[in-house]
Amino acid sequence: MTRSPSPSPGAFRALHHRPDPLVLPNAWDVPSALAFVDAGFEAVGTTSFGVASGLGRPDGGRATRDANLALARALAPLPVQVSVDIEDGYSDDPDEVAAYVSALVAVAGVNIEDSTAETLIDPAAHAAKVAAVKGCCPEVFVNARVDTYWLGQDATLAATLERAARYVEAGADGVFVPGATDPALLRELAAEIPVPLNVLAIPALSPAELGELGVRRVSTGSLPYRAALHAAVAVAQAVRGTGTVPAATPYPELQARLVDYTSRLP
């Protein structure tokens, strides 16, 4: 692993404009990010659920504010572009949200959602956050998340497009619509939203198929973190004698990654 250059907005943005969508794996700590880098991914995101869960806290409760500042700093040496999931920006005040983003170290992008405590907020309020971040940090790729389908609130095409339009007008570089899975819906969203459309991975649709529908970014979300927990339990059960031990990355390989990583810290 070589030291990462400064975040490159142009390079990260370009990853959203290739023939196939950007597949963005979401890490929750340094080892998971190193694993994704070693697997050849060109960019790494973070998962607020994984980070919050690691703190013993539920997702969406603004518990990851300080942890994400530390995680962004820890991921700065990686030789890939990093995007951080900052929940709702940890504040209702747009200027405080912008100040938070400006404090993140070496990030190419942020993901910011238009809900707080699992309730949609006024789209005008979210647009104000997007505008404040872009005004303060114009180089950061702002992925504005629309939680209509994720929360099952105002989950219509019209409401979703109305919110997306406000965020794009405010300066959003991309729009994320988690929970949208129907191919016809995805095609309409991609056709009507003038910036790259981001969705969560959909088991029934490959990245190439999503790309044909107009999707430009596919996130894994908390799936890798949840799969890791599932595998950990499977290992313990297998050792107890109730199953087959799953495959695991060898200890020396993980140790070598961490030795290399720490050798490149400032």
C-alpha atoms as a PDB file:
ATOM      1  CA  MET A   1       0.000   0.000   0.000  1.00  0.00           C
ATOM      2  CA  THR A   2       1.354   3.406  -0.949  1.00  0.00           C
ATOM      3  CA  ARG A   3       0.420   6.646   0.757  1.00  0.00           C
ATOM      4  CA  SER A   4      -2.765   8.178  -0.562  1.00  0.00           C
ATOM      5  CA  PRO A   5      -2.583  11.411  -2.536  1.00  0.00           C
ATOM      6  CA  SER A   6      -4.829  14.256  -1.458  1.00  0.00           C
ATOM      7  CA  PRO A   7      -8.509  13.529  -2.073  1.00  0.00           C
ATOM      8  CA  SER A   8      -9.223  14.066  -5.744  1.00  0.00           C
ATOM      9  CA  PRO A   9     -12.747  15.351  -6.380  1.00  0.00           C
ATOM     10  CA  GLY A  10     -12.239  14.937 -10.099  1.00  0.00           C
ATOM     11  CA  ALA A  11     -11.058  11.344  -9.750  1.00  0.00           C
ATOM     12  CA  PHE A  12     -13.894  10.404  -7.416  1.00  0.00           C
ATOM     13  CA  ARG A  13     -16.477  12.120  -9.595  1.00  0.00           C
ATOM     14  CA  ALA A  14     -15.100  10.355 -12.674  1.00  0.00           C
ATOM     15  CA  LEU A  15     -15.764   6.989 -11.033  1.00  0.00           C
ATOM     16  CA  HIS A  16     -19.487   7.819 -11.341  1.00  0.00           C
ATOM     17  CA  HIS A  17     -19.296   8.372 -15.095  1.00  0.00           C
ATOM     18  CA  ARG A  18     -17.933   5.122 -16.493  1.00  0.00           C
ATOM     19  CA  PRO A  19     -19.764   2.457 -18.503  1.00  0.00           C
ATOM     20  CA  ASP A  20     -20.332   0.355 -15.384  1.00  0.00           C
ATOM     21  CA  PRO A  21     -21.506   1.752 -12.033  1.00  0.00           C
ATOM     22  CA  LEU A  22     -19.060   2.402  -9.226  1.00  0.00           C
ATOM     23  CA  VAL A  23     -19.335  -0.408  -6.678  1.00  0.00           C
ATOM     24  CA  LEU A  24     -18.599   1.226  -3.342  1.00  0.00           C
ATOM     25  CA  PRO A  25     -17.923  -1.132  -0.406  1.00  0.00           C
ATOM     26  CA  ASN A  26     -18.681   0.327   3.003  1.00  0.00           C
ATOM     27  CA  ALA A  27     -16.136  -0.139   5.786  1.00  0.00           C
ATOM     28  CA  TRP A  28     -16.631   0.316   9.513  1.00  0.00           C
ATOM     29  CA  ASP A  29     -13.002   0.437  10.694  1.00  0.00           C
ATOM     30  CA  VAL A  30      -9.416   0.387   9.429  1.00  0.00           C
ATOM     31  CA  PRO A  31      -9.087  -3.405   8.934  1.00  0.00           C
ATOM     32  CA  SER A  32     -12.285  -3.632   6.884  1.00  0.00           C
ATOM     33  CA  ALA A  33     -11.159  -0.688   4.729  1.00  0.00           C
ATOM     34  CA  LEU A  34      -7.712  -2.262   4.245  1.00  0.00           C
ATOM     35  CA  ALA A  35      -9.395  -5.487   3.150  1.00  0.00           C
ATOM     36  CA  PHE A  36     -11.421  -3.659   0.513  1.00  0.00           C
ATOM     37  CA  VAL A  37      -8.318  -1.836  -0.731  1.00  0.00           C
ATOM     38  CA  ASP A  38      -6.416  -5.127  -0.924  1.00  0.00           C
ATOM     39  CA  ALA A  39      -9.315  -6.584  -2.946  1.00  0.00           C
ATOM     40  CA  GLY A  40      -8.774  -3.869  -5.558  1.00  0.00           C
ATOM     41  CA  PHE A  41     -11.613  -1.438  -4.923  1.00  0.00           C
ATOM     42  CA  GLU A  42     -10.864   2.074  -6.167  1.00  0.00           C
ATOM     43  CA  ALA A  43     -12.894   3.875  -3.511  1.00  0.00           C
ATOM     44  CA  VAL A  44     -14.199   3.014  -0.072  1.00  0.00           C
ATOM     45  CA  GLY A  45     -17.211   4.369   1.772  1.00  0.00           C
ATOM     46  CA  THR A  46     -18.155   3.993   5.407  1.00  0.00           C
ATOM     47  CA  THR A  47     -21.316   2.633   6.997  1.00  0.00           C
ATOM     48  CA  SER A  48     -22.921   4.600   9.807  1.00  0.00           C
ATOM     49  CA  PHE A  49     -24.675   1.436  10.978  1.00  0.00           C
ATOM     50  CA  GLY A  50     -21.389  -0.440  11.288  1.00  0.00           C
ATOM     51  CA  VAL A  51     -19.693   2.444  13.081  1.00  0.00           C
ATOM     52  CA  ALA A  52     -22.641   3.006  15.434  1.00  0.00           C
ATOM     53  CA  SER A  53     -23.032  -0.702  16.124  1.00  0.00           C
ATOM     54  CA  GLY A  54     -19.338  -0.922  16.993  1.00  0.00           C
ATOM     55  CA  LEU A  55     -20.009   1.706  19.649  1.00  0.00           C
ATOM     56  CA  GLY A  56     -22.949  -0.287  20.982  1.00  0.00           C
ATOM     57  CA  ARG A  57     -25.394   2.326  19.714  1.00  0.00           C
ATOM     58  CA  PRO A  58     -28.272   2.140  17.214  1.00  0.00           C
ATOM     59  CA  ASP A  59     -27.904   3.756  13.807  1.00  0.00           C
ATOM     60  CA  GLY A  60     -29.287   7.188  13.039  1.00  0.00           C
ATOM     61  CA  GLY A  61     -29.014   8.630  16.522  1.00  0.00           C
ATOM     62  CA  ARG A  62     -26.047  10.942  15.845  1.00  0.00           C
ATOM     63  CA  ALA A  63     -23.816   8.669  17.959  1.00  0.00           C
ATOM     64  CA  THR A  64     -21.152   8.399  15.239  1.00  0.00           C
ATOM     65  CA  ARG A  65     -20.195  12.082  15.106  1.00  0.00           C
ATOM     66  CA  ASP A  66     -16.833  11.849  16.874  1.00  0.00           C
ATOM     67  CA  ALA A  67     -16.165   8.294  15.715  1.00  0.00           C
ATOM     68  CA  ASN A  68     -16.440   9.350  12.075  1.00  0.00           C
ATOM     69  CA  LEU A  69     -14.018  12.226  12.582  1.00  0.00           C
ATOM     70  CA  ALA A  70     -11.526   9.708  13.972  1.00  0.00           C
ATOM     71  CA  LEU A  71     -12.275   7.155  11.245  1.00  0.00           C
ATOM     72  CA  ALA A  72     -11.797   9.706   8.454  1.00  0.00           C
ATOM     73  CA  ARG A  73      -8.430  10.616   9.949  1.00  0.00           C
ATOM     74  CA  ALA A  74      -7.482   6.945  10.227  1.00  0.00           C
ATOM     75  CA  LEU A  75      -8.442   6.231   6.600  1.00  0.00           C
ATOM     76  CA  ALA A  76      -6.542   9.215   5.217  1.00  0.00           C
ATOM     77  CA  PRO A  77      -3.395   7.169   4.369  1.00  0.00           C
ATOM     78  CA  LEU A  78      -5.331   4.763   2.132  1.00  0.00           C
ATOM     79  CA  PRO A  79      -4.440   4.874  -1.589  1.00  0.00           C
ATOM     80  CA  VAL A  80      -8.102   5.227  -2.585  1.00  0.00           C
ATOM     81  CA  GLN A  81     -10.793   7.887  -2.455  1.00  0.00           C
ATOM     82  CA  VAL A  82     -12.867   7.814   0.741  1.00  0.00           C
ATOM     83  CA  SER A  83     -16.501   8.840   1.230  1.00  0.00           C
ATOM     84  CA  VAL A  84     -17.908   9.119   4.753  1.00  0.00           C
ATOM     85  CA  ASP A  85     -21.501   8.446   5.796  1.00  0.00           C
ATOM     86  CA  ILE A  86     -22.339  11.299   8.176  1.00  0.00           C
ATOM     87  CA  GLU A  87     -25.985  10.365   8.899  1.00  0.00           C
ATOM     88  CA  ASP A  88     -27.970  13.648   8.869  1.00  0.00           C
ATOM     89  CA  GLY A  89     -24.880  15.789   9.443  1.00  0.00           C
ATOM     90  CA  TYR A  90     -25.293  15.580  13.239  1.00  0.00           C
ATOM     91  CA  SER A  91     -27.106  18.900  13.476  1.00  0.00           C
ATOM     92  CA  ASP A  92     -30.214  20.741  12.360  1.00  0.00           C
ATOM     93  CA  ASP A  93     -28.079  23.849  11.722  1.00  0.00           C
ATOM     94  CA  PRO A  94     -26.704  23.915   8.139  1.00  0.00           C
ATOM     95  CA  ASP A  95     -23.628  25.893   9.182  1.00  0.00           C
ATOM     96  CA  GLU A  96     -22.778  23.335  11.863  1.00  0.00           C
ATOM     97  CA  VAL A  97     -23.118  20.551   9.300  1.00  0.00           C
ATOM     98  CA  ALA A  98     -20.777  22.400   6.933  1.00  0.00           C
ATOM     99  CA  ALA A  99     -18.268  22.966   9.733  1.00  0.00           C
ATOM    100  CA  TYR A 100     -18.362  19.253  10.519  1.00  0.00           C
ATOM    101  CA  VAL A 101     -17.631  18.297   6.904  1.00  0.00           C
ATOM    102  CA  SER A 102     -14.767  20.791   6.773  1.00  0.00           C
ATOM    103  CA  ALA A 103     -13.255  19.051   9.827  1.00  0.00           C
ATOM    104  CA  LEU A 104     -13.201  15.633   8.136  1.00  0.00           C
ATOM    105  CA  VAL A 105      -9.663  14.743   7.108  1.00  0.00           C
ATOM    106  CA  ALA A 106      -8.878  13.788   3.507  1.00  0.00           C
ATOM    107  CA  VAL A 107     -12.330  12.763   2.330  1.00  0.00           C
ATOM    108  CA  ALA A 108     -13.441  12.946  -1.284  1.00  0.00           C
ATOM    109  CA  GLY A 109     -17.127  12.664  -0.496  1.00  0.00           C
ATOM    110  CA  VAL A 110     -19.851  12.523   2.127  1.00  0.00           C
ATOM    111  CA  ASN A 111     -23.230  10.854   2.252  1.00  0.00           C
ATOM    112  CA  ILE A 112     -25.911  12.873   4.072  1.00  0.00           C
ATOM    113  CA  GLU A 113     -29.472  11.671   4.637  1.00  0.00           C
ATOM    114  CA  ASP A 114     -32.719  13.631   4.728  1.00  0.00           C
ATOM    115  CA  SER A 115     -34.088  11.971   7.842  1.00  0.00           C
ATOM    116  CA  THR A 116     -33.436  12.277  11.555  1.00  0.00           C
ATOM    117  CA  ALA A 117     -34.378   9.606  14.099  1.00  0.00           C
ATOM    118  CA  GLU A 118     -36.028   7.610  11.284  1.00  0.00           C
ATOM    119  CA  THR A 119     -38.322  10.465  10.272  1.00  0.00           C
ATOM    120  CA  LEU A 120     -38.082  12.468   7.056  1.00  0.00           C
ATOM    121  CA  ILE A 121     -37.185  16.108   7.566  1.00  0.00           C
ATOM    122  CA  ASP A 122     -38.427  19.080   5.563  1.00  0.00           C
ATOM    123  CA  PRO A 123     -36.688  18.873   2.168  1.00  0.00           C
ATOM    124  CA  ALA A 124     -35.961  22.600   2.364  1.00  0.00           C
ATOM    125  CA  ALA A 125     -34.022  21.989   5.579  1.00  0.00           C
ATOM    126  CA  HIS A 126     -31.982  19.245   3.956  1.00  0.00           C
ATOM    127  CA  ALA A 127     -31.358  21.358   0.864  1.00  0.00           C
ATOM    128  CA  ALA A 128     -30.004  24.063   3.156  1.00  0.00           C
ATOM    129  CA  LYS A 129     -27.531  21.568   4.616  1.00  0.00           C
ATOM    130  CA  VAL A 130     -26.397  20.526   1.139  1.00  0.00           C
ATOM    131  CA  ALA A 131     -25.959  24.149   0.072  1.00  0.00           C
ATOM    132  CA  ALA A 132     -23.993  24.984   3.215  1.00  0.00           C
ATOM    133  CA  VAL A 133     -21.632  22.052   2.720  1.00  0.00           C
ATOM    134  CA  LYS A 134     -21.040  22.910  -0.939  1.00  0.00           C
ATOM    135  CA  GLY A 135     -20.484  26.541  -0.051  1.00  0.00           C
ATOM    136  CA  CYS A 136     -17.922  25.616   2.580  1.00  0.00           C
ATOM    137  CA  CYS A 137     -16.352  22.593   0.876  1.00  0.00           C
ATOM    138  CA  PRO A 138     -17.062  22.847  -2.865  1.00  0.00           C
ATOM    139  CA  GLU A 139     -14.541  20.115  -3.649  1.00  0.00           C
ATOM    140  CA  VAL A 140     -16.365  17.463  -1.581  1.00  0.00           C
ATOM    141  CA  PHE A 141     -18.706  15.149  -3.520  1.00  0.00           C
ATOM    142  CA  VAL A 142     -22.021  15.472  -1.685  1.00  0.00           C
ATOM    143  CA  ASN A 143     -24.255  12.438  -2.085  1.00  0.00           C
ATOM    144  CA  ALA A 144     -27.723  13.522  -0.912  1.00  0.00           C
ATOM    145  CA  ARG A 145     -29.729  10.616   0.400  1.00  0.00           C
ATOM    146  CA  VAL A 146     -33.504  10.516  -0.094  1.00  0.00           C
ATOM    147  CA  ASP A 147     -35.044   8.236   2.546  1.00  0.00           C
ATOM    148  CA  THR A 148     -38.603   8.027   1.211  1.00  0.00           C
ATOM    149  CA  TYR A 149     -38.413   4.368   0.177  1.00  0.00           C
ATOM    150  CA  TRP A 150     -35.984   3.408   2.945  1.00  0.00           C
ATOM    151  CA  LEU A 151     -38.398   4.570   5.651  1.00  0.00           C
ATOM    152  CA  GLY A 152     -41.644   3.970   3.774  1.00  0.00           C
ATOM    153  CA  GLN A 153     -42.587   7.646   4.208  1.00  0.00           C
ATOM    154  CA  ASP A 154     -43.835   9.602   1.168  1.00  0.00           C
ATOM    155  CA  ALA A 155     -42.600   6.602  -0.794  1.00  0.00           C
ATOM    156  CA  THR A 156     -43.789   7.727  -4.202  1.00  0.00           C
ATOM    157  CA  LEU A 157     -41.897   8.565  -7.346  1.00  0.00           C
ATOM    158  CA  ALA A 158     -43.243  12.137  -7.336  1.00  0.00           C
ATOM    159  CA  ALA A 159     -42.226  12.860  -3.732  1.00  0.00           C
ATOM    160  CA  THR A 160     -38.815  11.296  -4.226  1.00  0.00           C
ATOM    161  CA  LEU A 161     -38.124  13.277  -7.388  1.00  0.00           C
ATOM    162  CA  GLU A 162     -39.290  16.488  -5.740  1.00  0.00           C
ATOM    163  CA  ARG A 163     -36.836  15.992  -2.887  1.00  0.00           C
ATOM    164  CA  ALA A 164     -34.040  15.005  -5.250  1.00  0.00           C
ATOM    165  CA  ALA A 165     -34.639  18.100  -7.390  1.00  0.00           C
ATOM    166  CA  ARG A 166     -34.304  20.373  -4.354  1.00  0.00           C
ATOM    167  CA  TYR A 167     -31.019  18.757  -3.355  1.00  0.00           C
ATOM    168  CA  VAL A 168     -29.578  18.922  -6.846  1.00  0.00           C
ATOM    169  CA  GLU A 169     -30.562  22.587  -7.075  1.00  0.00           C
ATOM    170  CA  ALA A 170     -28.746  23.125  -3.763  1.00  0.00           C
ATOM    171  CA  GLY A 171     -25.574  21.634  -5.250  1.00  0.00           C
ATOM    172  CA  ALA A 172     -25.717  17.886  -4.579  1.00  0.00           C
ATOM    173  CA  ASP A 173     -23.280  15.953  -6.773  1.00  0.00           C
ATOM    174  CA  GLY A 174     -25.212  12.692  -6.483  1.00  0.00           C
ATOM    175  CA  VAL A 175     -28.507  11.358  -5.140  1.00  0.00           C
ATOM    176  CA  PHE A 176     -28.838   8.166  -3.106  1.00  0.00           C
ATOM    177  CA  VAL A 177     -32.221   6.406  -2.935  1.00  0.00           C
ATOM    178  CA  PRO A 178     -31.864   3.362  -0.660  1.00  0.00           C
ATOM    179  CA  GLY A 179     -34.834   1.018  -0.616  1.00  0.00           C
ATOM    180  CA  ALA A 180     -35.692   1.598  -4.274  1.00  0.00           C
ATOM    181  CA  THR A 181     -35.419  -1.815  -5.950  1.00  0.00           C
ATOM    182  CA  ASP A 182     -38.006  -2.081  -8.711  1.00  0.00           C
ATOM    183  CA  PRO A 183     -36.284  -1.887 -12.119  1.00  0.00           C
ATOM    184  CA  ALA A 184     -38.978   0.336 -13.632  1.00  0.00           C
ATOM    185  CA  LEU A 185     -38.731   2.726 -10.690  1.00  0.00           C
ATOM    186  CA  LEU A 186     -34.945   2.819 -10.902  1.00  0.00           C
ATOM    187  CA  ARG A 187     -35.095   3.575 -14.615  1.00  0.00           C
ATOM    188  CA  GLU A 188     -37.450   6.515 -14.003  1.00  0.00           C
ATOM    189  CA  LEU A 189     -35.361   7.846 -11.124  1.00  0.00           C
ATOM    190  CA  ALA A 190     -32.184   7.692 -13.212  1.00  0.00           C
ATOM    191  CA  ALA A 191     -33.878   9.359 -16.166  1.00  0.00           C
ATOM    192  CA  GLU A 192     -35.304  12.229 -14.108  1.00  0.00           C
ATOM    193  CA  ILE A 193     -32.426  12.913 -11.710  1.00  0.00           C
ATOM    194  CA  PRO A 194     -29.678  14.865 -13.537  1.00  0.00           C
ATOM    195  CA  VAL A 195     -26.820  13.693 -11.293  1.00  0.00           C
ATOM    196  CA  PRO A 196     -25.476  10.174 -10.646  1.00  0.00           C
ATOM    197  CA  LEU A 197     -28.040   7.890  -9.000  1.00  0.00           C
ATOM    198  CA  ASN A 198     -26.813   5.726  -6.110  1.00  0.00           C
ATOM    199  CA  VAL A 199     -28.687   2.679  -4.805  1.00  0.00           C
ATOM    200  CA  LEU A 200     -27.969  -0.128  -2.378  1.00  0.00           C
ATOM    201  CA  ALA A 201     -26.883  -3.456  -3.807  1.00  0.00           C
ATOM    202  CA  ILE A 202     -29.870  -5.470  -5.050  1.00  0.00           C
ATOM    203  CA  PRO A 203     -29.289  -9.254  -5.040  1.00  0.00           C
ATOM    204  CA  ALA A 204     -31.515  -9.833  -8.066  1.00  0.00           C
ATOM    205  CA  LEU A 205     -29.688  -7.241 -10.202  1.00  0.00           C
ATOM    206  CA  SER A 206     -25.991  -7.199 -11.089  1.00  0.00           C
ATOM    207  CA  PRO A 207     -24.070  -3.913 -11.259  1.00  0.00           C
ATOM    208  CA  ALA A 208     -24.112  -4.207 -15.052  1.00  0.00           C
ATOM    209  CA  GLU A 209     -27.902  -4.609 -15.053  1.00  0.00           C
ATOM    210  CA  LEU A 210     -28.258  -1.657 -12.695  1.00  0.00           C
ATOM    211  CA  GLY A 211     -26.026   0.332 -15.017  1.00  0.00           C
ATOM    212  CA  GLU A 212     -28.356  -0.430 -17.907  1.00  0.00           C
ATOM    213  CA  LEU A 213     -31.161   1.094 -15.841  1.00  0.00           C
ATOM    214  CA  GLY A 214     -29.109   4.254 -15.378  1.00  0.00           C
ATOM    215  CA  VAL A 215     -27.679   3.643 -11.891  1.00  0.00           C
ATOM    216  CA  ARG A 216     -24.165   5.070 -11.528  1.00  0.00           C
ATOM    217  CA  ARG A 217     -23.182   3.947  -8.006  1.00  0.00           C
ATOM    218  CA  VAL A 218     -23.955   0.790  -6.038  1.00  0.00           C
ATOM    219  CA  SER A 219     -23.247   0.795  -2.302  1.00  0.00           C
ATOM    220  CA  THR A 220     -22.965  -2.266  -0.091  1.00  0.00           C
ATOM    221  CA  GLY A 221     -24.248  -0.327   2.933  1.00  0.00           C
ATOM    222  CA  SER A 222     -24.122  -2.291   6.168  1.00  0.00           C
ATOM    223  CA  LEU A 223     -24.235  -5.663   4.384  1.00  0.00           C
ATOM    224  CA  PRO A 224     -20.496  -6.464   4.793  1.00  0.00           C
ATOM    225  CA  TYR A 225     -20.631  -5.585   8.499  1.00  0.00           C
ATOM    226  CA  ARG A 226     -23.730  -7.723   9.043  1.00  0.00           C
ATOM    227  CA  ALA A 227     -22.189 -10.567   7.048  1.00  0.00           C
ATOM    228  CA  ALA A 228     -19.039 -10.358   9.179  1.00  0.00           C
ATOM    229  CA  LEU A 229     -21.091 -10.709  12.374  1.00  0.00           C
ATOM    230  CA  HIS A 230     -22.956 -13.642  10.858  1.00  0.00           C
ATOM    231  CA  ALA A 231     -19.667 -15.309   9.898  1.00  0.00           C
ATOM    232  CA  ALA A 232     -18.245 -14.742  13.393  1.00  0.00           C
ATOM    233  CA  VAL A 233     -21.164 -16.608  14.930  1.00  0.00           C
ATOM    234  CA  ALA A 234     -20.807 -19.374  12.331  1.00  0.00           C
ATOM    235  CA  VAL A 235     -17.156 -19.796  13.321  1.00  0.00           C
ATOM    236  CA  ALA A 236     -18.000 -20.073  17.017  1.00  0.00           C
ATOM    237  CA  GLN A 237     -20.765 -22.570  16.288  1.00  0.00           C
ATOM    238  CA  ALA A 238     -18.472 -24.626  14.065  1.00  0.00           C
ATOM    239  CA  VAL A 239     -15.771 -24.753  16.735  1.00  0.00           C
ATOM    240  CA  ARG A 240     -18.456 -25.891  19.173  1.00  0.00           C
ATOM    241  CA  GLY A 241     -19.124 -28.713  16.741  1.00  0.00           C
ATOM    242  CA  THR A 242     -22.322 -27.682  14.978  1.00  0.00           C
ATOM    243  CA  GLY A 243     -21.065 -26.744  11.540  1.00  0.00           C
ATOM    244  CA  THR A 244     -18.176 -26.225   9.139  1.00  0.00           C
ATOM    245  CA  VAL A 245     -15.642 -23.510   9.883  1.00  0.00           C
ATOM    246  CA  PRO A 246     -15.976 -20.800   7.187  1.00  0.00           C
ATOM    247  CA  ALA A 247     -12.984 -19.603   5.214  1.00  0.00           C
ATOM    248  CA  ALA A 248     -10.958 -16.845   6.870  1.00  0.00           C
ATOM    249  CA  THR A 249      -8.152 -14.503   5.858  1.00  0.00           C
ATOM    250  CA  PRO A 250      -4.896 -15.849   7.305  1.00  0.00           C
ATOM    251  CA  TYR A 251      -3.576 -14.089  10.410  1.00  0.00           C
ATOM    252  CA  PRO A 252      -0.166 -13.282   8.809  1.00  0.00           C
ATOM    253  CA  GLU A 253      -1.918 -11.537   5.909  1.00  0.00           C
ATOM    254  CA  LEU A 254      -4.012  -9.329   8.200  1.00  0.00           C
ATOM    255  CA  GLN A 255      -1.000  -8.602  10.377  1.00  0.00           C
ATOM    256  CA  ALA A 256       1.089  -7.634   7.337  1.00  0.00           C
ATOM    257  CA  ARG A 257      -1.593  -5.175   6.191  1.00  0.00           C
ATOM    258  CA  LEU A 258      -1.637  -3.495   9.581  1.00  0.00           C
ATOM    259  CA  VAL A 259       2.172  -3.348   9.809  1.00  0.00           C
ATOM    260  CA  ASP A 260       2.314  -1.741   6.370  1.00  0.00           C
ATOM    261  CA  TYR A 261      -0.509   0.660   7.271  1.00  0.00           C
ATOM    262  CA  THR A 262       1.090   1.801  10.525  1.00  0.00           C
ATOM    263  CA  SER A 263       4.460   2.254   8.851  1.00  0.00           C
ATOM    264  CA  ARG A 264       2.908   4.925   6.629  1.00  0.00           C
ATOM    265  CA  LEU A 265       1.158   6.938   9.321  1.00  0.00           C
ATOM    266  CA  PRO A 266       2.485  10.472   9.868  1.00  0.00           C
END
